């Protein structure tokens, strides 16, 4: 397969914490990157069926009230799978996002590791820092949602 024919799905999750054995996804966003361009695929808040700790809400600004009436992971996973099943997945710190998703035996690219390799001179390699450092602009409404890739 040639890279120009490859379909990539950039994904990002927000969670109730850092441990996939006890924490759950509260937000997931998928964006397709292909030879046809970049297009949003799917985004949803997810009811984690557990309380979002204040420390997690402080990071992603998602509250218990916001997810209370949202679909559960079991309800959204089939839709997500249809979007990612034939794609190379891309995530910033892919090890983290991957740990929260069921294994589907598809390749992953970690954009964080790639950024560290491409721009070792950058002081940090977070998405917000790299956007500023590279002079990229982002819609202000996407301040820190999972779609903020």
N, C-alpha and C. Protein backbone atom coordinates (compact mmCIF):
# COMPACT_ATOMS: atom_id res chain seq x y z
N UNK A 1 0.85 -1.19 0.00
CA UNK A 1 0.00 0.00 0.00
C UNK A 1 0.89 1.25 0.00
N UNK A 2 0.55 2.18 -0.84
CA UNK A 2 1.30 3.43 -0.93
C UNK A 2 0.75 4.41 0.11
N UNK A 3 1.64 5.23 0.66
CA UNK A 3 1.20 6.15 1.72
C UNK A 3 0.13 7.12 1.21
N UNK A 4 0.22 7.53 -0.04
CA UNK A 4 -0.79 8.47 -0.55
C UNK A 4 -2.17 7.82 -0.67
N UNK A 5 -2.24 6.50 -0.63
CA UNK A 5 -3.52 5.80 -0.67
C UNK A 5 -3.99 5.39 0.72
N UNK A 6 -3.21 5.71 1.73
CA UNK A 6 -3.53 5.31 3.10
C UNK A 6 -4.56 6.25 3.71
N UNK A 7 -5.48 5.68 4.42
CA UNK A 7 -6.49 6.45 5.15
C UNK A 7 -6.07 6.46 6.62
N UNK A 8 -5.93 7.66 7.16
CA UNK A 8 -5.56 7.84 8.56
C UNK A 8 -6.77 8.37 9.31
N UNK A 9 -6.95 7.92 10.53
CA UNK A 9 -7.96 8.50 11.41
C UNK A 9 -7.24 9.00 12.66
N UNK A 10 -7.26 10.32 12.82
CA UNK A 10 -6.69 10.94 14.01
C UNK A 10 -7.76 10.87 15.08
N UNK A 11 -7.38 10.33 16.23
CA UNK A 11 -8.36 10.24 17.30
C UNK A 11 -7.79 10.78 18.59
N UNK A 12 -8.69 11.25 19.42
CA UNK A 12 -8.31 11.77 20.73
C UNK A 12 -9.41 11.42 21.71
N UNK A 13 -8.99 11.09 22.91
CA UNK A 13 -9.95 10.79 23.96
C UNK A 13 -9.72 11.70 25.14
N UNK A 14 -10.76 11.91 25.89
CA UNK A 14 -10.67 12.53 27.21
C UNK A 14 -11.25 11.48 28.16
N UNK A 15 -10.68 11.38 29.34
CA UNK A 15 -11.04 10.28 30.24
C UNK A 15 -11.28 10.76 31.67
N UNK A 16 -11.75 9.82 32.49
CA UNK A 16 -11.95 10.13 33.91
C UNK A 16 -10.65 10.03 34.70
N UNK A 17 -9.59 9.56 34.08
CA UNK A 17 -8.31 9.42 34.75
C UNK A 17 -7.30 8.76 33.83
N UNK A 18 -6.17 8.36 34.39
CA UNK A 18 -5.06 7.86 33.59
C UNK A 18 -4.97 6.34 33.48
N UNK A 19 -5.70 5.61 34.30
CA UNK A 19 -5.58 4.16 34.37
C UNK A 19 -6.74 3.49 33.63
N UNK A 20 -6.46 2.86 32.48
CA UNK A 20 -7.54 2.26 31.70
C UNK A 20 -8.22 1.08 32.39
N UNK A 21 -7.63 0.56 33.44
CA UNK A 21 -8.27 -0.55 34.15
C UNK A 21 -9.38 -0.08 35.08
N UNK A 22 -9.35 1.21 35.45
CA UNK A 22 -10.39 1.72 36.35
C UNK A 22 -11.08 2.98 35.84
N UNK A 23 -10.48 3.67 34.89
CA UNK A 23 -11.07 4.91 34.38
C UNK A 23 -11.74 4.67 33.03
N UNK A 24 -12.53 5.64 32.58
CA UNK A 24 -13.33 5.48 31.37
C UNK A 24 -13.24 6.71 30.47
N UNK A 25 -13.58 6.52 29.22
CA UNK A 25 -13.62 7.61 28.23
C UNK A 25 -14.85 8.47 28.47
N UNK A 26 -14.67 9.81 28.40
CA UNK A 26 -15.80 10.74 28.51
C UNK A 26 -16.01 11.54 27.22
N UNK A 27 -15.05 11.50 26.31
CA UNK A 27 -15.15 12.23 25.05
C UNK A 27 -14.23 11.56 24.05
N UNK A 28 -14.70 11.41 22.83
CA UNK A 28 -13.85 10.88 21.77
C UNK A 28 -14.16 11.63 20.48
N UNK A 29 -13.10 11.94 19.75
CA UNK A 29 -13.22 12.62 18.46
C UNK A 29 -12.40 11.89 17.43
N UNK A 30 -12.92 11.82 16.22
CA UNK A 30 -12.24 11.18 15.10
C UNK A 30 -12.22 12.13 13.92
N UNK A 31 -11.05 12.26 13.30
CA UNK A 31 -10.89 13.10 12.11
C UNK A 31 -10.15 12.27 11.07
N UNK A 32 -10.67 12.24 9.86
CA UNK A 32 -10.05 11.49 8.78
C UNK A 32 -9.06 12.36 8.02
N UNK A 33 -7.90 11.77 7.71
CA UNK A 33 -6.90 12.42 6.86
C UNK A 33 -6.61 11.43 5.73
N UNK A 34 -6.88 11.87 4.51
CA UNK A 34 -6.65 11.00 3.35
C UNK A 34 -6.26 11.87 2.16
N UNK A 35 -6.05 11.23 1.03
CA UNK A 35 -5.69 12.00 -0.18
C UNK A 35 -6.81 12.95 -0.58
N UNK A 36 -8.00 12.73 -0.04
CA UNK A 36 -9.14 13.61 -0.32
C UNK A 36 -9.23 14.81 0.62
N UNK A 37 -8.32 14.87 1.59
CA UNK A 37 -8.31 16.00 2.52
C UNK A 37 -8.55 15.58 3.96
N UNK A 38 -8.94 16.56 4.76
CA UNK A 38 -9.18 16.36 6.18
C UNK A 38 -10.65 16.61 6.44
N UNK A 39 -11.29 15.67 7.16
CA UNK A 39 -12.70 15.89 7.47
C UNK A 39 -13.05 15.27 8.82
N UNK A 40 -13.85 15.97 9.60
CA UNK A 40 -14.32 15.41 10.87
C UNK A 40 -15.19 14.19 10.59
N UNK A 41 -15.01 13.14 11.38
CA UNK A 41 -15.80 11.93 11.22
C UNK A 41 -16.85 11.77 12.31
N UNK A 42 -16.43 11.98 13.55
CA UNK A 42 -17.32 11.64 14.66
C UNK A 42 -16.79 12.28 15.93
N UNK A 43 -17.70 12.76 16.75
CA UNK A 43 -17.33 13.28 18.06
C UNK A 43 -18.53 13.08 18.96
N UNK A 44 -18.27 12.62 20.17
CA UNK A 44 -19.35 12.49 21.14
C UNK A 44 -18.82 12.53 22.56
N UNK A 45 -19.63 13.09 23.43
CA UNK A 45 -19.40 12.90 24.85
C UNK A 45 -19.92 11.51 25.18
N UNK A 46 -19.32 10.89 26.19
CA UNK A 46 -19.67 9.53 26.58
C UNK A 46 -19.97 9.50 28.07
N UNK A 47 -21.06 8.86 28.43
CA UNK A 47 -21.38 8.65 29.84
C UNK A 47 -20.46 7.55 30.36
N UNK A 48 -19.52 7.89 31.25
CA UNK A 48 -18.56 6.89 31.72
C UNK A 48 -19.14 5.93 32.76
N UNK A 49 -20.34 6.19 33.20
CA UNK A 49 -21.00 5.37 34.23
C UNK A 49 -20.17 5.33 35.52
N UNK A 50 -19.46 6.42 35.75
CA UNK A 50 -18.74 6.65 36.99
C UNK A 50 -18.54 8.16 37.10
N UNK A 51 -18.24 8.61 38.29
CA UNK A 51 -18.05 10.03 38.53
C UNK A 51 -16.74 10.51 37.91
N UNK A 52 -16.80 11.66 37.27
CA UNK A 52 -15.58 12.29 36.75
C UNK A 52 -14.92 13.02 37.91
N UNK A 53 -13.70 12.64 38.28
CA UNK A 53 -13.02 13.33 39.38
C UNK A 53 -12.75 14.79 39.02
N UNK A 54 -12.75 15.68 40.02
CA UNK A 54 -12.46 17.10 39.76
C UNK A 54 -11.13 17.31 39.04
N UNK A 55 -10.13 16.48 39.34
CA UNK A 55 -8.82 16.63 38.70
C UNK A 55 -8.91 16.40 37.19
N UNK A 56 -9.76 15.47 36.78
CA UNK A 56 -9.93 15.21 35.34
C UNK A 56 -10.71 16.35 34.69
N UNK A 57 -11.78 16.79 35.34
CA UNK A 57 -12.56 17.91 34.80
C UNK A 57 -11.71 19.17 34.66
N UNK A 58 -10.77 19.34 35.56
CA UNK A 58 -9.87 20.50 35.50
C UNK A 58 -9.06 20.49 34.20
N UNK A 59 -8.71 19.31 33.71
CA UNK A 59 -7.93 19.18 32.48
C UNK A 59 -8.79 19.38 31.24
N UNK A 60 -9.91 18.65 31.15
CA UNK A 60 -10.69 18.67 29.91
C UNK A 60 -11.99 19.47 30.00
N UNK A 61 -12.32 19.97 31.17
CA UNK A 61 -13.49 20.84 31.36
C UNK A 61 -14.82 20.14 31.05
N UNK A 62 -14.84 18.82 31.14
CA UNK A 62 -16.07 18.06 30.94
C UNK A 62 -16.60 17.69 32.32
N UNK A 63 -17.87 17.98 32.55
CA UNK A 63 -18.46 17.77 33.87
C UNK A 63 -19.40 16.57 33.89
N UNK A 64 -19.70 16.12 35.10
CA UNK A 64 -20.64 15.01 35.27
C UNK A 64 -22.00 15.36 34.68
N UNK A 65 -22.43 16.58 34.84
CA UNK A 65 -23.72 17.01 34.30
C UNK A 65 -23.74 16.89 32.77
N UNK A 66 -22.63 17.23 32.13
CA UNK A 66 -22.57 17.18 30.66
C UNK A 66 -22.70 15.76 30.10
N UNK A 67 -22.22 14.77 30.83
CA UNK A 67 -22.22 13.40 30.31
C UNK A 67 -23.38 12.55 30.84
N UNK A 68 -24.13 13.10 31.77
CA UNK A 68 -25.20 12.34 32.44
C UNK A 68 -26.15 11.64 31.48
N UNK A 69 -26.61 12.32 30.45
CA UNK A 69 -27.59 11.76 29.52
C UNK A 69 -26.98 11.35 28.18
N UNK A 70 -25.67 11.20 28.14
CA UNK A 70 -25.00 10.83 26.89
C UNK A 70 -24.94 9.31 26.76
N UNK A 71 -24.66 8.81 25.55
CA UNK A 71 -24.57 7.36 25.36
C UNK A 71 -23.37 6.77 26.11
N UNK A 72 -23.48 5.50 26.45
CA UNK A 72 -22.38 4.80 27.12
C UNK A 72 -21.37 4.34 26.07
N UNK A 73 -20.21 3.88 26.55
CA UNK A 73 -19.17 3.38 25.65
C UNK A 73 -19.71 2.22 24.81
N UNK A 74 -20.45 1.33 25.43
CA UNK A 74 -21.00 0.18 24.70
C UNK A 74 -21.91 0.64 23.56
N UNK A 75 -22.56 1.76 23.73
CA UNK A 75 -23.44 2.29 22.69
C UNK A 75 -22.68 2.98 21.56
N UNK A 76 -21.54 3.61 21.86
CA UNK A 76 -20.81 4.35 20.83
C UNK A 76 -19.74 3.52 20.12
N UNK A 77 -19.23 2.48 20.77
CA UNK A 77 -18.13 1.71 20.19
C UNK A 77 -18.44 1.17 18.79
N UNK A 78 -19.60 0.59 18.51
CA UNK A 78 -19.85 0.10 17.15
C UNK A 78 -19.72 1.18 16.08
N UNK A 79 -20.16 2.38 16.37
CA UNK A 79 -20.03 3.49 15.41
C UNK A 79 -18.57 3.87 15.23
N UNK A 80 -17.84 3.94 16.33
CA UNK A 80 -16.41 4.27 16.26
C UNK A 80 -15.68 3.23 15.43
N UNK A 81 -15.97 1.97 15.69
CA UNK A 81 -15.30 0.89 14.97
C UNK A 81 -15.52 0.98 13.46
N UNK A 82 -16.71 1.36 13.03
CA UNK A 82 -16.95 1.49 11.59
C UNK A 82 -16.06 2.57 10.97
N UNK A 83 -15.72 3.58 11.75
CA UNK A 83 -14.88 4.67 11.23
C UNK A 83 -13.39 4.34 11.25
N UNK A 84 -12.95 3.47 12.16
CA UNK A 84 -11.51 3.23 12.31
C UNK A 84 -11.04 1.88 11.82
N UNK A 85 -11.96 0.97 11.49
CA UNK A 85 -11.56 -0.41 11.25
C UNK A 85 -10.58 -0.60 10.09
N UNK A 86 -10.62 0.23 9.08
CA UNK A 86 -9.71 0.06 7.94
C UNK A 86 -8.67 1.16 7.85
N UNK A 87 -8.45 1.87 8.94
CA UNK A 87 -7.55 3.03 8.91
C UNK A 87 -6.32 2.82 9.80
N UNK A 88 -5.27 3.55 9.47
CA UNK A 88 -4.14 3.69 10.38
C UNK A 88 -4.57 4.74 11.40
N UNK A 89 -4.45 4.42 12.68
CA UNK A 89 -4.87 5.35 13.73
C UNK A 89 -3.70 6.25 14.11
N UNK A 90 -4.01 7.50 14.38
CA UNK A 90 -3.00 8.48 14.77
C UNK A 90 -3.49 9.16 16.04
N UNK A 91 -2.61 9.26 17.03
CA UNK A 91 -2.96 9.95 18.27
C UNK A 91 -1.71 10.58 18.86
N UNK A 92 -1.90 11.68 19.55
CA UNK A 92 -0.80 12.36 20.24
C UNK A 92 -0.68 11.69 21.61
N UNK A 93 0.39 10.95 21.80
CA UNK A 93 0.57 10.02 22.93
C UNK A 93 -0.35 8.82 22.72
N UNK A 94 -0.14 8.15 21.60
CA UNK A 94 -0.99 7.03 21.18
C UNK A 94 -1.07 5.93 22.22
N UNK A 95 -0.02 5.73 22.99
CA UNK A 95 -0.04 4.68 24.01
C UNK A 95 -1.21 4.89 24.98
N UNK A 96 -1.46 6.14 25.34
CA UNK A 96 -2.55 6.45 26.26
C UNK A 96 -3.91 6.17 25.61
N UNK A 97 -4.18 6.78 24.47
CA UNK A 97 -5.48 6.59 23.81
C UNK A 97 -5.72 5.12 23.47
N UNK A 98 -4.69 4.47 22.97
CA UNK A 98 -4.81 3.05 22.60
C UNK A 98 -5.17 2.19 23.80
N UNK A 99 -4.66 2.54 24.96
CA UNK A 99 -4.91 1.72 26.16
C UNK A 99 -6.37 1.73 26.58
N UNK A 100 -7.13 2.73 26.15
CA UNK A 100 -8.54 2.83 26.51
C UNK A 100 -9.47 2.20 25.47
N UNK A 101 -8.93 1.80 24.33
CA UNK A 101 -9.76 1.25 23.25
C UNK A 101 -9.56 -0.25 23.13
N UNK A 102 -10.60 -0.97 22.74
CA UNK A 102 -10.43 -2.40 22.48
C UNK A 102 -9.41 -2.62 21.36
N UNK A 103 -8.63 -3.68 21.46
CA UNK A 103 -7.62 -3.98 20.45
C UNK A 103 -8.29 -4.41 19.15
N UNK A 104 -7.84 -3.83 18.04
CA UNK A 104 -8.39 -4.17 16.73
C UNK A 104 -7.30 -4.57 15.73
N UNK A 105 -6.06 -4.67 16.20
CA UNK A 105 -4.95 -5.15 15.38
C UNK A 105 -4.74 -4.33 14.11
N UNK A 106 -4.79 -3.03 14.27
CA UNK A 106 -4.49 -2.10 13.18
C UNK A 106 -3.30 -1.25 13.62
N UNK A 107 -2.52 -0.73 12.66
CA UNK A 107 -1.36 0.07 13.04
C UNK A 107 -1.73 1.42 13.64
N UNK A 108 -0.83 1.90 14.49
CA UNK A 108 -0.96 3.21 15.14
C UNK A 108 0.28 4.04 14.85
N UNK A 109 0.09 5.35 14.76
CA UNK A 109 1.19 6.31 14.69
C UNK A 109 1.04 7.24 15.88
N UNK A 110 2.13 7.45 16.60
CA UNK A 110 2.11 8.38 17.72
C UNK A 110 2.65 9.73 17.25
N UNK A 111 1.77 10.71 17.13
CA UNK A 111 2.20 12.03 16.64
C UNK A 111 3.09 12.74 17.65
N UNK A 112 3.00 12.39 18.93
CA UNK A 112 3.89 12.97 19.94
C UNK A 112 5.32 12.50 19.69
N UNK A 113 5.51 11.21 19.51
CA UNK A 113 6.85 10.68 19.24
C UNK A 113 7.38 11.21 17.91
N UNK A 114 6.50 11.30 16.93
CA UNK A 114 6.89 11.83 15.63
C UNK A 114 7.34 13.29 15.75
N UNK A 115 6.60 14.09 16.51
CA UNK A 115 6.95 15.50 16.72
C UNK A 115 8.30 15.63 17.43
N UNK A 116 8.56 14.78 18.41
CA UNK A 116 9.85 14.82 19.11
C UNK A 116 11.00 14.52 18.15
N UNK A 117 10.75 13.64 17.20
CA UNK A 117 11.77 13.29 16.21
C UNK A 117 11.95 14.42 15.18
N UNK A 118 10.84 14.98 14.71
CA UNK A 118 10.89 16.01 13.67
C UNK A 118 11.40 17.35 14.18
N UNK A 119 11.02 17.72 15.41
CA UNK A 119 11.37 19.02 15.96
C UNK A 119 12.01 18.88 17.34
N UNK A 120 13.20 18.27 17.42
CA UNK A 120 13.83 18.08 18.73
C UNK A 120 14.16 19.40 19.42
N UNK A 121 14.28 20.47 18.63
CA UNK A 121 14.61 21.77 19.20
C UNK A 121 13.42 22.46 19.88
N UNK A 122 12.22 21.95 19.68
CA UNK A 122 11.05 22.55 20.34
C UNK A 122 11.15 22.30 21.85
N UNK A 123 10.80 23.30 22.64
CA UNK A 123 10.88 23.17 24.10
C UNK A 123 9.90 22.14 24.64
N UNK A 124 8.72 22.06 24.02
CA UNK A 124 7.71 21.08 24.42
C UNK A 124 7.11 20.48 23.16
N UNK A 125 6.41 19.38 23.32
CA UNK A 125 5.80 18.72 22.16
C UNK A 125 4.32 18.46 22.37
N UNK A 126 3.69 19.27 23.20
CA UNK A 126 2.24 19.18 23.37
C UNK A 126 1.57 19.80 22.15
N UNK A 127 0.34 19.42 21.89
CA UNK A 127 -0.38 20.00 20.74
C UNK A 127 -0.48 21.52 20.83
N UNK A 128 -0.91 22.09 21.97
CA UNK A 128 -1.01 23.56 22.03
C UNK A 128 0.33 24.27 21.78
N UNK A 129 1.41 23.73 22.37
CA UNK A 129 2.71 24.36 22.18
C UNK A 129 3.15 24.26 20.72
N UNK A 130 3.03 23.08 20.12
CA UNK A 130 3.45 22.91 18.73
C UNK A 130 2.65 23.79 17.78
N UNK A 131 1.35 23.93 18.04
CA UNK A 131 0.53 24.81 17.19
C UNK A 131 1.10 26.22 17.19
N UNK A 132 1.41 26.72 18.38
CA UNK A 132 1.95 28.07 18.50
C UNK A 132 3.34 28.14 17.88
N UNK A 133 4.18 27.19 18.20
CA UNK A 133 5.56 27.16 17.74
C UNK A 133 5.65 27.06 16.22
N UNK A 134 4.72 26.32 15.62
CA UNK A 134 4.70 26.16 14.17
C UNK A 134 3.87 27.23 13.46
N UNK A 135 3.22 28.10 14.24
CA UNK A 135 2.43 29.18 13.66
C UNK A 135 1.12 28.72 13.06
N UNK A 136 0.55 27.65 13.60
CA UNK A 136 -0.73 27.14 13.10
C UNK A 136 -1.86 27.77 13.89
N UNK A 137 -2.99 27.98 13.23
CA UNK A 137 -4.14 28.57 13.90
C UNK A 137 -5.21 27.51 14.12
N UNK A 138 -5.98 27.70 15.19
CA UNK A 138 -7.06 26.79 15.53
C UNK A 138 -8.26 27.60 15.97
N UNK A 139 -9.42 27.16 15.59
CA UNK A 139 -10.66 27.81 16.01
C UNK A 139 -10.70 27.89 17.53
N UNK A 140 -10.99 29.05 18.07
CA UNK A 140 -11.00 29.27 19.52
C UNK A 140 -11.99 28.39 20.25
N UNK A 141 -13.04 27.93 19.57
CA UNK A 141 -14.04 27.07 20.21
C UNK A 141 -13.50 25.68 20.52
N UNK A 142 -12.33 25.34 19.98
CA UNK A 142 -11.77 24.02 20.20
C UNK A 142 -10.66 24.06 21.25
N UNK A 143 -10.81 24.87 22.25
CA UNK A 143 -9.75 25.12 23.23
C UNK A 143 -9.13 23.85 23.81
N UNK A 144 -9.90 22.93 24.31
CA UNK A 144 -9.35 21.66 24.79
C UNK A 144 -10.40 20.57 24.80
N UNK A 145 -10.97 20.33 23.66
CA UNK A 145 -11.85 19.17 23.55
C UNK A 145 -11.04 18.07 22.89
N UNK A 146 -11.58 16.90 22.85
CA UNK A 146 -10.88 15.81 22.19
C UNK A 146 -10.63 16.11 20.72
N UNK A 147 -11.44 16.97 20.13
CA UNK A 147 -11.25 17.32 18.73
C UNK A 147 -10.07 18.25 18.54
N UNK A 148 -9.47 18.72 19.61
CA UNK A 148 -8.34 19.64 19.56
C UNK A 148 -7.06 18.87 19.26
N UNK A 149 -6.93 18.40 18.06
CA UNK A 149 -5.77 17.62 17.68
C UNK A 149 -4.77 18.46 16.96
